[in-house]
Amino acid sequence: MVDMASIKDLDVVEQFSSKLEEIRTKLLIQAMGEMMNEANAQFCQGHKQYMKTVLDTCSKKCKEDEVMFETIQSYVEDLKVNRSVMKEKNTERPEIVEEIDDKERHKALIMQKIEKLKQEQAKNRELIHFQNKANKDRLKNLNKVKEIFQERLSLEIRKIQGEKLQFIFRNINHKNPESAYTFLLRINEEGVYQIVSCDPPLAQMDHLERKLQETNNFSAFLANARREFLALHSATKTA
């Protein structure tokens, strides 16, 4: 154990602090632990709720389609009856002809609506498929992250209102280890990572965000974000 009180050379102190930070960073890249379990479970729960909502909507649409098909069948039966009556009487009453024409037009409109609904449902099914795949990829990525970082490595993750995650780094400022360096992250409707805010602001955060969107390497993103906070603190200290 090195006694810091016995070290007189300021350069040696800086080298020692730098070595400690390298060790911390290496540990940071190796493990995460339990802190991501809650975030992972919340993402899973949100995904399940989303799928339940979609399934309920599809079920409702299917019931509406069944009602429309029954209505069409009713119109067809009415047309058969009316035509049969006309044939038996061997006469064409103008009001019956007009009623039949109205029902034919109505049937055509309903068929158009049904076709439109079918197209919308096909698009919804495709969207659900891709969204489900995207969510699974995000959850898989987060599972990898939880194996890399641990609470003892000074990273705290909180779920806040609006389906956002707050990442809190500590032990950046050795004079004030509890000082928090944070950013907010969310996954948008297209399943893309987005940085909502950063405190204190990082000049490289936009670049880190684009890199995360391109690679989906979340563990590397967190390590780079911590490195940028450390650099910011060092620059502020020496300014």
C-alpha atoms as a PDB file:
ATOM      1  CA  MET A   1       0.000   0.000   0.000  1.00  0.00           C
ATOM      2  CA  VAL A   2       1.507   3.347  -1.076  1.00  0.00           C
ATOM      3  CA  ASP A   3       1.446   6.076   1.596  1.00  0.00           C
ATOM      4  CA  MET A   4       0.343   9.189  -0.328  1.00  0.00           C
ATOM      5  CA  ALA A   5       1.497  11.421   2.543  1.00  0.00           C
ATOM      6  CA  SER A   6       5.081  10.298   1.921  1.00  0.00           C
ATOM      7  CA  ILE A   7       5.093  11.216  -1.761  1.00  0.00           C
ATOM      8  CA  LYS A   8       6.681  14.627  -2.307  1.00  0.00           C
ATOM      9  CA  ASP A   9       7.090  14.805  -6.033  1.00  0.00           C
ATOM     10  CA  LEU A  10       3.918  16.221  -7.690  1.00  0.00           C
ATOM     11  CA  ASP A  11       4.675  14.425 -10.952  1.00  0.00           C
ATOM     12  CA  VAL A  12       4.806  11.088  -9.099  1.00  0.00           C
ATOM     13  CA  VAL A  13       1.448  11.923  -7.488  1.00  0.00           C
ATOM     14  CA  GLU A  14      -0.068  12.596 -10.904  1.00  0.00           C
ATOM     15  CA  GLN A  15       1.414   9.360 -12.292  1.00  0.00           C
ATOM     16  CA  PHE A  16       0.017   7.426  -9.341  1.00  0.00           C
ATOM     17  CA  SER A  17      -3.435   8.970  -9.809  1.00  0.00           C
ATOM     18  CA  SER A  18      -3.247   8.222 -13.540  1.00  0.00           C
ATOM     19  CA  LYS A  19      -2.303   4.590 -12.804  1.00  0.00           C
ATOM     20  CA  LEU A  20      -5.237   4.257 -10.394  1.00  0.00           C
ATOM     21  CA  GLU A  21      -7.548   5.635 -13.065  1.00  0.00           C
ATOM     22  CA  GLU A  22      -6.196   3.159 -15.636  1.00  0.00           C
ATOM     23  CA  ILE A  23      -6.881   0.314 -13.217  1.00  0.00           C
ATOM     24  CA  ARG A  24     -10.408   1.657 -12.599  1.00  0.00           C
ATOM     25  CA  THR A  25     -11.038   1.936 -16.350  1.00  0.00           C
ATOM     26  CA  LYS A  26      -9.830  -1.638 -16.939  1.00  0.00           C
ATOM     27  CA  LEU A  27     -12.172  -2.846 -14.217  1.00  0.00           C
ATOM     28  CA  LEU A  28     -14.935  -0.756 -15.789  1.00  0.00           C
ATOM     29  CA  ILE A  29     -14.499  -2.598 -19.093  1.00  0.00           C
ATOM     30  CA  GLN A  30     -14.618  -6.025 -17.383  1.00  0.00           C
ATOM     31  CA  ALA A  31     -17.837  -6.175 -15.356  1.00  0.00           C
ATOM     32  CA  MET A  32     -21.162  -4.502 -14.602  1.00  0.00           C
ATOM     33  CA  GLY A  33     -23.260  -6.620 -12.297  1.00  0.00           C
ATOM     34  CA  GLU A  34     -26.565  -6.208 -10.685  1.00  0.00           C
ATOM     35  CA  MET A  35     -27.291  -2.529 -11.413  1.00  0.00           C
ATOM     36  CA  MET A  36     -28.602  -3.302 -14.929  1.00  0.00           C
ATOM     37  CA  ASN A  37     -31.029  -6.015 -13.755  1.00  0.00           C
ATOM     38  CA  GLU A  38     -33.707  -3.493 -12.839  1.00  0.00           C
ATOM     39  CA  ALA A  39     -33.251  -1.513 -16.072  1.00  0.00           C
ATOM     40  CA  ASN A  40     -33.356  -4.753 -18.092  1.00  0.00           C
ATOM     41  CA  ALA A  41     -36.522  -5.905 -16.329  1.00  0.00           C
ATOM     42  CA  GLN A  42     -38.163  -2.531 -16.914  1.00  0.00           C
ATOM     43  CA  PHE A  43     -37.312  -2.634 -20.614  1.00  0.00           C
ATOM     44  CA  CYS A  44     -38.721  -6.169 -20.825  1.00  0.00           C
ATOM     45  CA  GLN A  45     -41.885  -5.087 -19.031  1.00  0.00           C
ATOM     46  CA  GLY A  46     -42.272  -2.117 -21.366  1.00  0.00           C
ATOM     47  CA  HIS A  47     -41.806  -4.384 -24.370  1.00  0.00           C
ATOM     48  CA  LYS A  48     -44.429  -6.836 -23.061  1.00  0.00           C
ATOM     49  CA  GLN A  49     -46.873  -3.969 -22.472  1.00  0.00           C
ATOM     50  CA  TYR A  50     -46.237  -2.666 -25.982  1.00  0.00           C
ATOM     51  CA  MET A  51     -46.891  -6.079 -27.517  1.00  0.00           C
ATOM     52  CA  LYS A  52     -50.065  -6.485 -25.436  1.00  0.00           C
ATOM     53  CA  THR A  53     -51.354  -3.115 -26.700  1.00  0.00           C
ATOM     54  CA  VAL A  54     -50.613  -4.073 -30.314  1.00  0.00           C
ATOM     55  CA  LEU A  55     -52.297  -7.466 -29.941  1.00  0.00           C
ATOM     56  CA  ASP A  56     -55.361  -5.836 -28.371  1.00  0.00           C
ATOM     57  CA  THR A  57     -55.552  -3.380 -31.286  1.00  0.00           C
ATOM     58  CA  CYS A  58     -55.270  -6.178 -33.843  1.00  0.00           C
ATOM     59  CA  SER A  59     -57.934  -8.168 -32.025  1.00  0.00           C
ATOM     60  CA  LYS A  60     -60.262  -5.168 -32.093  1.00  0.00           C
ATOM     61  CA  LYS A  61     -59.628  -4.702 -35.832  1.00  0.00           C
ATOM     62  CA  CYS A  62     -60.367  -8.354 -36.482  1.00  0.00           C
ATOM     63  CA  LYS A  63     -63.699  -8.073 -34.665  1.00  0.00           C
ATOM     64  CA  GLU A  64     -64.568  -4.989 -36.710  1.00  0.00           C
ATOM     65  CA  ASP A  65     -63.698  -6.921 -39.880  1.00  0.00           C
ATOM     66  CA  GLU A  66     -65.999  -9.757 -38.815  1.00  0.00           C
ATOM     67  CA  VAL A  67     -68.849  -7.295 -38.305  1.00  0.00           C
ATOM     68  CA  MET A  68     -68.231  -5.839 -41.779  1.00  0.00           C
ATOM     69  CA  PHE A  69     -68.186  -9.283 -43.377  1.00  0.00           C
ATOM     70  CA  GLU A  70     -71.442 -10.155 -41.618  1.00  0.00           C
ATOM     71  CA  THR A  71     -72.964  -6.886 -42.864  1.00  0.00           C
ATOM     72  CA  ILE A  72     -71.925  -7.702 -46.434  1.00  0.00           C
ATOM     73  CA  GLN A  73     -73.375 -11.191 -46.128  1.00  0.00           C
ATOM     74  CA  SER A  74     -76.609  -9.664 -44.870  1.00  0.00           C
ATOM     75  CA  TYR A  75     -76.714  -7.330 -47.870  1.00  0.00           C
ATOM     76  CA  VAL A  76     -76.091 -10.233 -50.230  1.00  0.00           C
ATOM     77  CA  GLU A  77     -78.937 -12.199 -48.684  1.00  0.00           C
ATOM     78  CA  ASP A  78     -81.227  -9.174 -48.945  1.00  0.00           C
ATOM     79  CA  LEU A  79     -80.327  -8.814 -52.627  1.00  0.00           C
ATOM     80  CA  LYS A  80     -81.152 -12.458 -53.244  1.00  0.00           C
ATOM     81  CA  VAL A  81     -84.518 -12.070 -51.557  1.00  0.00           C
ATOM     82  CA  ASN A  82     -85.338  -8.891 -53.477  1.00  0.00           C
ATOM     83  CA  ARG A  83     -84.338 -10.420 -56.787  1.00  0.00           C
ATOM     84  CA  SER A  84     -86.429 -13.484 -56.004  1.00  0.00           C
ATOM     85  CA  VAL A  85     -89.460 -11.301 -55.239  1.00  0.00           C
ATOM     86  CA  MET A  86     -88.948  -9.359 -58.445  1.00  0.00           C
ATOM     87  CA  LYS A  87     -88.711 -12.550 -60.435  1.00  0.00           C
ATOM     88  CA  GLU A  88     -91.861 -13.977 -58.912  1.00  0.00           C
ATOM     89  CA  LYS A  89     -93.848 -10.844 -59.591  1.00  0.00           C
ATOM     90  CA  ASN A  90     -92.164 -10.441 -62.959  1.00  0.00           C
ATOM     91  CA  THR A  91     -92.113  -6.701 -62.492  1.00  0.00           C
ATOM     92  CA  GLU A  92     -89.469  -4.136 -61.738  1.00  0.00           C
ATOM     93  CA  ARG A  93     -90.517  -1.672 -59.148  1.00  0.00           C
ATOM     94  CA  PRO A  94     -88.309   1.430 -59.330  1.00  0.00           C
ATOM     95  CA  GLU A  95     -87.952   1.672 -55.556  1.00  0.00           C
ATOM     96  CA  ILE A  96     -86.630  -1.903 -55.324  1.00  0.00           C
ATOM     97  CA  VAL A  97     -84.151  -1.304 -58.120  1.00  0.00           C
ATOM     98  CA  GLU A  98     -82.965   1.857 -56.393  1.00  0.00           C
ATOM     99  CA  GLU A  99     -82.602   0.015 -53.066  1.00  0.00           C
ATOM    100  CA  ILE A 100     -80.605  -2.722 -54.749  1.00  0.00           C
ATOM    101  CA  ASP A 101     -78.333  -0.164 -56.403  1.00  0.00           C
ATOM    102  CA  ASP A 102     -77.799   1.617 -53.081  1.00  0.00           C
ATOM    103  CA  LYS A 103     -76.861  -1.634 -51.404  1.00  0.00           C
ATOM    104  CA  GLU A 104     -74.500  -2.507 -54.222  1.00  0.00           C
ATOM    105  CA  ARG A 105     -72.795   0.863 -53.854  1.00  0.00           C
ATOM    106  CA  HIS A 106     -72.666   0.422 -50.095  1.00  0.00           C
ATOM    107  CA  LYS A 107     -71.171  -3.028 -50.523  1.00  0.00           C
ATOM    108  CA  ALA A 108     -68.492  -1.643 -52.850  1.00  0.00           C
ATOM    109  CA  LEU A 109     -67.575   1.017 -50.279  1.00  0.00           C
ATOM    110  CA  ILE A 110     -67.359  -1.590 -47.516  1.00  0.00           C
ATOM    111  CA  MET A 111     -65.160  -3.790 -49.694  1.00  0.00           C
ATOM    112  CA  GLN A 112     -62.843  -0.832 -50.260  1.00  0.00           C
ATOM    113  CA  LYS A 113     -62.662  -0.213 -46.503  1.00  0.00           C
ATOM    114  CA  ILE A 114     -61.949  -3.895 -45.856  1.00  0.00           C
ATOM    115  CA  GLU A 115     -59.139  -3.875 -48.417  1.00  0.00           C
ATOM    116  CA  LYS A 116     -57.683  -0.763 -46.823  1.00  0.00           C
ATOM    117  CA  LEU A 117     -57.887  -2.388 -43.378  1.00  0.00           C
ATOM    118  CA  LYS A 118     -56.124  -5.486 -44.702  1.00  0.00           C
ATOM    119  CA  GLN A 119     -53.299  -3.333 -46.055  1.00  0.00           C
ATOM    120  CA  GLU A 120     -53.017  -1.447 -42.763  1.00  0.00           C
ATOM    121  CA  GLN A 121     -52.946  -4.693 -40.791  1.00  0.00           C
ATOM    122  CA  ALA A 122     -50.210  -6.057 -43.054  1.00  0.00           C
ATOM    123  CA  LYS A 123     -48.164  -2.909 -42.438  1.00  0.00           C
ATOM    124  CA  ASN A 124     -48.815  -3.148 -38.695  1.00  0.00           C
ATOM    125  CA  ARG A 125     -47.706  -6.779 -38.613  1.00  0.00           C
ATOM    126  CA  GLU A 126     -44.514  -5.864 -40.460  1.00  0.00           C
ATOM    127  CA  LEU A 127     -43.914  -2.920 -38.106  1.00  0.00           C
ATOM    128  CA  ILE A 128     -44.505  -5.140 -35.063  1.00  0.00           C
ATOM    129  CA  HIS A 129     -42.027  -7.681 -36.413  1.00  0.00           C
ATOM    130  CA  PHE A 130     -39.262  -5.131 -36.946  1.00  0.00           C
ATOM    131  CA  GLN A 131     -39.999  -3.311 -33.681  1.00  0.00           C
ATOM    132  CA  ASN A 132     -39.924  -6.608 -31.806  1.00  0.00           C
ATOM    133  CA  LYS A 133     -36.583  -7.492 -33.374  1.00  0.00           C
ATOM    134  CA  ALA A 134     -35.198  -4.027 -32.584  1.00  0.00           C
ATOM    135  CA  ASN A 135     -36.320  -4.257 -28.956  1.00  0.00           C
ATOM    136  CA  LYS A 136     -34.766  -7.712 -28.610  1.00  0.00           C
ATOM    137  CA  ASP A 137     -31.502  -6.352 -29.985  1.00  0.00           C
ATOM    138  CA  ARG A 138     -31.600  -3.454 -27.498  1.00  0.00           C
ATOM    139  CA  LEU A 139     -32.304  -5.816 -24.593  1.00  0.00           C
ATOM    140  CA  LYS A 140     -29.518  -8.131 -25.723  1.00  0.00           C
ATOM    141  CA  ASN A 141     -27.171  -5.162 -25.832  1.00  0.00           C
ATOM    142  CA  LEU A 142     -28.178  -4.093 -22.333  1.00  0.00           C
ATOM    143  CA  ASN A 143     -27.629  -7.641 -21.081  1.00  0.00           C
ATOM    144  CA  LYS A 144     -24.081  -7.455 -22.374  1.00  0.00           C
ATOM    145  CA  VAL A 145     -23.602  -4.132 -20.606  1.00  0.00           C
ATOM    146  CA  LYS A 146     -24.753  -5.511 -17.253  1.00  0.00           C
ATOM    147  CA  GLU A 147     -21.966  -8.100 -17.443  1.00  0.00           C
ATOM    148  CA  ILE A 148     -19.362  -5.366 -17.882  1.00  0.00           C
ATOM    149  CA  PHE A 149     -20.199  -2.715 -15.273  1.00  0.00           C
ATOM    150  CA  GLN A 150     -20.826  -3.045 -11.539  1.00  0.00           C
ATOM    151  CA  GLU A 151     -22.102  -0.664  -8.918  1.00  0.00           C
ATOM    152  CA  ARG A 152     -18.750  -0.613  -7.147  1.00  0.00           C
ATOM    153  CA  LEU A 153     -17.249   0.981 -10.268  1.00  0.00           C
ATOM    154  CA  SER A 154     -19.171   4.187  -9.574  1.00  0.00           C
ATOM    155  CA  LEU A 155     -21.910   3.963 -12.211  1.00  0.00           C
ATOM    156  CA  GLU A 156     -25.544   4.277 -11.155  1.00  0.00           C
ATOM    157  CA  ILE A 157     -28.499   3.885 -13.527  1.00  0.00           C
ATOM    158  CA  ARG A 158     -31.963   5.181 -12.767  1.00  0.00           C
ATOM    159  CA  LYS A 159     -35.201   4.878 -14.711  1.00  0.00           C
ATOM    160  CA  ILE A 160     -37.056   8.189 -14.715  1.00  0.00           C
ATOM    161  CA  GLN A 161     -40.381   9.484 -16.016  1.00  0.00           C
ATOM    162  CA  GLY A 162     -40.845   9.392 -19.771  1.00  0.00           C
ATOM    163  CA  GLU A 163     -39.141   6.014 -20.333  1.00  0.00           C
ATOM    164  CA  LYS A 164     -35.668   7.536 -19.970  1.00  0.00           C
ATOM    165  CA  LEU A 165     -32.551   6.216 -18.237  1.00  0.00           C
ATOM    166  CA  GLN A 166     -30.251   8.437 -16.193  1.00  0.00           C
ATOM    167  CA  PHE A 167     -26.592   7.380 -16.042  1.00  0.00           C
ATOM    168  CA  ILE A 168     -24.681   8.788 -13.057  1.00  0.00           C
ATOM    169  CA  PHE A 169     -20.877   8.600 -12.861  1.00  0.00           C
ATOM    170  CA  ARG A 170     -19.103   9.279  -9.586  1.00  0.00           C
ATOM    171  CA  ASN A 171     -15.466   9.237  -8.422  1.00  0.00           C
ATOM    172  CA  ILE A 172     -14.565  11.535 -11.304  1.00  0.00           C
ATOM    173  CA  ASN A 173     -13.496  14.320  -8.960  1.00  0.00           C
ATOM    174  CA  HIS A 174     -11.170  12.732  -6.391  1.00  0.00           C
ATOM    175  CA  LYS A 175     -11.554  15.716  -4.083  1.00  0.00           C
ATOM    176  CA  ASN A 176     -15.304  15.237  -4.155  1.00  0.00           C
ATOM    177  CA  PRO A 177     -15.990  11.558  -5.050  1.00  0.00           C
ATOM    178  CA  GLU A 178     -19.773  11.930  -4.689  1.00  0.00           C
ATOM    179  CA  SER A 179     -19.908  14.695  -7.294  1.00  0.00           C
ATOM    180  CA  ALA A 180     -22.235  13.439 -10.067  1.00  0.00           C
ATOM    181  CA  TYR A 181     -21.566  13.542 -13.821  1.00  0.00           C
ATOM    182  CA  THR A 182     -24.750  12.520 -15.614  1.00  0.00           C
ATOM    183  CA  PHE A 183     -26.571  12.131 -18.907  1.00  0.00           C
ATOM    184  CA  LEU A 184     -30.103  11.092 -19.901  1.00  0.00           C
ATOM    185  CA  LEU A 185     -30.716   8.480 -22.608  1.00  0.00           C
ATOM    186  CA  ARG A 186     -33.847   7.159 -24.312  1.00  0.00           C
ATOM    187  CA  ILE A 187     -34.739   4.777 -27.136  1.00  0.00           C
ATOM    188  CA  ASN A 188     -37.057   6.451 -29.653  1.00  0.00           C
ATOM    189  CA  GLU A 189     -39.956   4.921 -31.620  1.00  0.00           C
ATOM    190  CA  GLU A 190     -37.543   3.619 -34.275  1.00  0.00           C
ATOM    191  CA  GLY A 191     -35.456   1.871 -31.608  1.00  0.00           C
ATOM    192  CA  VAL A 192     -32.567   4.343 -31.898  1.00  0.00           C
ATOM    193  CA  TYR A 193     -30.510   5.490 -28.903  1.00  0.00           C
ATOM    194  CA  GLN A 194     -30.786   9.234 -28.231  1.00  0.00           C
ATOM    195  CA  ILE A 195     -29.014  11.438 -25.662  1.00  0.00           C
ATOM    196  CA  VAL A 196     -31.581  13.797 -24.106  1.00  0.00           C
ATOM    197  CA  SER A 197     -29.236  15.856 -21.903  1.00  0.00           C
ATOM    198  CA  CYS A 198     -25.754  15.862 -20.384  1.00  0.00           C
ATOM    199  CA  ASP A 199     -24.553  17.532 -17.174  1.00  0.00           C
ATOM    200  CA  PRO A 200     -21.936  18.901 -17.330  1.00  0.00           C
ATOM    201  CA  PRO A 201     -22.074  19.258 -21.145  1.00  0.00           C
ATOM    202  CA  LEU A 202     -19.540  17.251 -23.132  1.00  0.00           C
ATOM    203  CA  ALA A 203     -18.201  18.643 -26.403  1.00  0.00           C
ATOM    204  CA  GLN A 204     -17.843  15.085 -27.746  1.00  0.00           C
ATOM    205  CA  MET A 205     -21.299  13.821 -26.692  1.00  0.00           C
ATOM    206  CA  ASP A 206     -22.844  14.285 -30.169  1.00  0.00           C
ATOM    207  CA  HIS A 207     -19.975  12.268 -31.642  1.00  0.00           C
ATOM    208  CA  LEU A 208     -20.370   9.550 -29.000  1.00  0.00           C
ATOM    209  CA  GLU A 209     -24.126   9.411 -29.681  1.00  0.00           C
ATOM    210  CA  ARG A 210     -23.601   8.951 -33.436  1.00  0.00           C
ATOM    211  CA  LYS A 211     -21.004   6.257 -32.779  1.00  0.00           C
ATOM    212  CA  LEU A 212     -23.432   4.430 -30.472  1.00  0.00           C
ATOM    213  CA  GLN A 213     -26.187   4.601 -33.113  1.00  0.00           C
ATOM    214  CA  GLU A 214     -23.818   3.222 -35.738  1.00  0.00           C
ATOM    215  CA  THR A 215     -22.294   0.389 -33.681  1.00  0.00           C
ATOM    216  CA  ASN A 216     -24.822  -0.338 -30.871  1.00  0.00           C
ATOM    217  CA  ASN A 217     -21.747  -0.966 -28.689  1.00  0.00           C
ATOM    218  CA  PHE A 218     -23.212   0.302 -25.431  1.00  0.00           C
ATOM    219  CA  SER A 219     -20.380  -0.776 -23.141  1.00  0.00           C
ATOM    220  CA  ALA A 220     -17.843   1.103 -25.257  1.00  0.00           C
ATOM    221  CA  PHE A 221     -20.123   4.140 -25.262  1.00  0.00           C
ATOM    222  CA  LEU A 222     -20.277   4.193 -21.441  1.00  0.00           C
ATOM    223  CA  ALA A 223     -16.523   3.762 -21.131  1.00  0.00           C
ATOM    224  CA  ASN A 224     -15.936   6.613 -23.591  1.00  0.00           C
ATOM    225  CA  ALA A 225     -18.465   8.846 -21.806  1.00  0.00           C
ATOM    226  CA  ARG A 226     -16.668   8.300 -18.491  1.00  0.00           C
ATOM    227  CA  ARG A 227     -13.338   9.013 -20.166  1.00  0.00           C
ATOM    228  CA  GLU A 228     -14.715  12.303 -21.528  1.00  0.00           C
ATOM    229  CA  PHE A 229     -15.986  13.305 -18.074  1.00  0.00           C
ATOM    230  CA  LEU A 230     -12.528  12.563 -16.653  1.00  0.00           C
ATOM    231  CA  ALA A 231     -10.888  14.649 -19.362  1.00  0.00           C
ATOM    232  CA  LEU A 232     -13.332  17.494 -18.741  1.00  0.00           C
ATOM    233  CA  HIS A 233     -12.574  17.429 -15.004  1.00  0.00           C
ATOM    234  CA  SER A 234      -8.802  17.383 -15.642  1.00  0.00           C
ATOM    235  CA  ALA A 235      -9.086  20.315 -18.066  1.00  0.00           C
ATOM    236  CA  THR A 236     -11.175  22.279 -15.579  1.00  0.00           C
ATOM    237  CA  LYS A 237      -8.717  21.528 -12.764  1.00  0.00           C
ATOM    238  CA  THR A 238      -5.710  22.723 -14.756  1.00  0.00           C
ATOM    239  CA  ALA A 239      -7.459  25.760 -16.260  1.00  0.00           C
END
